[in-house]
Amino acid sequence: QNDKITRRSCCGCIPEQFGVLAILSMYLLFGLLGSLASFMTLA
């Protein structure tokens, strides 16, 4: 019981924060790429 709780806290919290960070960085990356592409087509 205790081992399952510790494993869930170890494998549940960290990947969740890592996933949020990854999604945020992907949004930033795609936003930069999109703005660069639109800037290149305008220029």
N, C-alpha and C. Protein backbone atom coordinates (compact mmCIF):
# COMPACT_ATOMS: atom_id res chain seq x y z
N GLN A 1 0.84 -1.20 0.00
CA GLN A 1 0.00 0.00 0.00
C GLN A 1 0.87 1.25 0.00
N ASN A 2 1.83 1.28 0.93
CA ASN A 2 2.70 2.46 1.02
C ASN A 2 3.58 2.58 -0.21
N ASP A 3 4.04 1.43 -0.73
CA ASP A 3 4.90 1.45 -1.91
C ASP A 3 4.13 1.99 -3.13
N LYS A 4 2.85 1.62 -3.21
CA LYS A 4 2.04 2.11 -4.34
C LYS A 4 1.85 3.62 -4.25
N ILE A 5 1.66 4.13 -3.03
CA ILE A 5 1.45 5.57 -2.85
C ILE A 5 2.73 6.33 -3.21
N THR A 6 3.87 5.83 -2.76
CA THR A 6 5.12 6.53 -3.06
C THR A 6 5.40 6.48 -4.56
N ARG A 7 5.09 5.35 -5.18
CA ARG A 7 5.34 5.23 -6.62
C ARG A 7 4.41 6.18 -7.39
N ARG A 8 3.16 6.31 -6.92
CA ARG A 8 2.24 7.20 -7.62
C ARG A 8 2.66 8.66 -7.45
N SER A 9 3.13 9.03 -6.27
CA SER A 9 3.56 10.41 -6.06
C SER A 9 4.82 10.70 -6.86
N CYS A 10 5.67 9.68 -7.05
CA CYS A 10 6.89 9.87 -7.81
C CYS A 10 6.59 9.94 -9.30
N CYS A 11 5.70 9.06 -9.78
CA CYS A 11 5.44 8.98 -11.22
C CYS A 11 4.19 9.75 -11.62
N GLY A 12 3.55 10.45 -10.68
CA GLY A 12 2.33 11.17 -11.01
C GLY A 12 2.54 12.67 -11.03
N CYS A 13 3.37 13.18 -10.11
CA CYS A 13 3.53 14.63 -10.01
C CYS A 13 4.55 15.14 -11.03
N ILE A 14 5.70 14.48 -11.09
CA ILE A 14 6.79 14.99 -11.92
C ILE A 14 6.44 14.95 -13.41
N PRO A 15 5.92 13.84 -13.96
CA PRO A 15 5.58 13.86 -15.38
C PRO A 15 4.46 14.84 -15.70
N GLU A 16 3.58 15.12 -14.73
CA GLU A 16 2.51 16.08 -14.97
C GLU A 16 3.10 17.47 -15.18
N GLN A 17 4.01 17.87 -14.28
CA GLN A 17 4.67 19.17 -14.44
C GLN A 17 5.52 19.18 -15.70
N PHE A 18 6.18 18.06 -15.99
CA PHE A 18 7.02 17.98 -17.19
C PHE A 18 6.16 18.08 -18.44
N GLY A 19 4.97 17.47 -18.40
CA GLY A 19 4.07 17.55 -19.55
C GLY A 19 3.58 18.98 -19.77
N VAL A 20 3.26 19.68 -18.67
CA VAL A 20 2.82 21.07 -18.78
C VAL A 20 3.94 21.92 -19.36
N LEU A 21 5.17 21.70 -18.88
CA LEU A 21 6.32 22.45 -19.41
C LEU A 21 6.53 22.14 -20.88
N ALA A 22 6.40 20.87 -21.24
CA ALA A 22 6.61 20.48 -22.64
C ALA A 22 5.54 21.11 -23.53
N ILE A 23 4.28 21.12 -23.06
CA ILE A 23 3.20 21.72 -23.85
C ILE A 23 3.42 23.22 -23.99
N LEU A 24 3.84 23.88 -22.91
CA LEU A 24 4.10 25.32 -22.98
C LEU A 24 5.23 25.62 -23.94
N SER A 25 6.31 24.84 -23.87
CA SER A 25 7.45 25.07 -24.76
C SER A 25 7.06 24.80 -26.21
N MET A 26 6.19 23.79 -26.43
CA MET A 26 5.75 23.51 -27.80
C MET A 26 4.88 24.64 -28.31
N TYR A 27 4.02 25.20 -27.45
CA TYR A 27 3.21 26.34 -27.86
C TYR A 27 4.10 27.53 -28.22
N LEU A 28 5.11 27.79 -27.39
CA LEU A 28 6.03 28.89 -27.67
C LEU A 28 6.78 28.65 -28.97
N LEU A 29 7.23 27.41 -29.17
CA LEU A 29 7.99 27.08 -30.37
C LEU A 29 7.12 27.25 -31.62
N PHE A 30 5.89 26.73 -31.58
CA PHE A 30 5.00 26.85 -32.74
C PHE A 30 4.60 28.31 -32.97
N GLY A 31 4.44 29.07 -31.88
CA GLY A 31 4.12 30.49 -32.03
C GLY A 31 5.25 31.24 -32.69
N LEU A 32 6.49 30.95 -32.28
CA LEU A 32 7.65 31.58 -32.89
C LEU A 32 7.77 31.18 -34.35
N LEU A 33 7.57 29.90 -34.64
CA LEU A 33 7.67 29.43 -36.03
C LEU A 33 6.57 30.07 -36.88
N GLY A 34 5.37 30.17 -36.35
CA GLY A 34 4.27 30.77 -37.10
C GLY A 34 4.52 32.24 -37.37
N SER A 35 4.99 32.98 -36.36
CA SER A 35 5.26 34.40 -36.56
C SER A 35 6.42 34.60 -37.53
N LEU A 36 7.43 33.72 -37.45
CA LEU A 36 8.55 33.81 -38.39
C LEU A 36 8.08 33.53 -39.81
N ALA A 37 7.22 32.53 -39.98
CA ALA A 37 6.73 32.19 -41.31
C ALA A 37 5.90 33.34 -41.89
N SER A 38 5.01 33.92 -41.08
CA SER A 38 4.20 35.04 -41.56
C SER A 38 5.07 36.25 -41.85
N PHE A 39 6.11 36.45 -41.05
CA PHE A 39 7.02 37.57 -41.28
C PHE A 39 7.80 37.36 -42.58
N MET A 40 8.20 36.11 -42.85
CA MET A 40 8.94 35.82 -44.08
C MET A 40 8.05 36.00 -45.30
N THR A 41 6.78 35.62 -45.20
CA THR A 41 5.88 35.78 -46.34
C THR A 41 5.56 37.26 -46.56
N LEU A 42 5.52 38.05 -45.48
CA LEU A 42 5.26 39.48 -45.63
C LEU A 42 6.47 40.20 -46.20
N ALA A 43 7.67 39.77 -45.81
CA ALA A 43 8.90 40.44 -46.26
C ALA A 43 9.34 39.98 -47.65
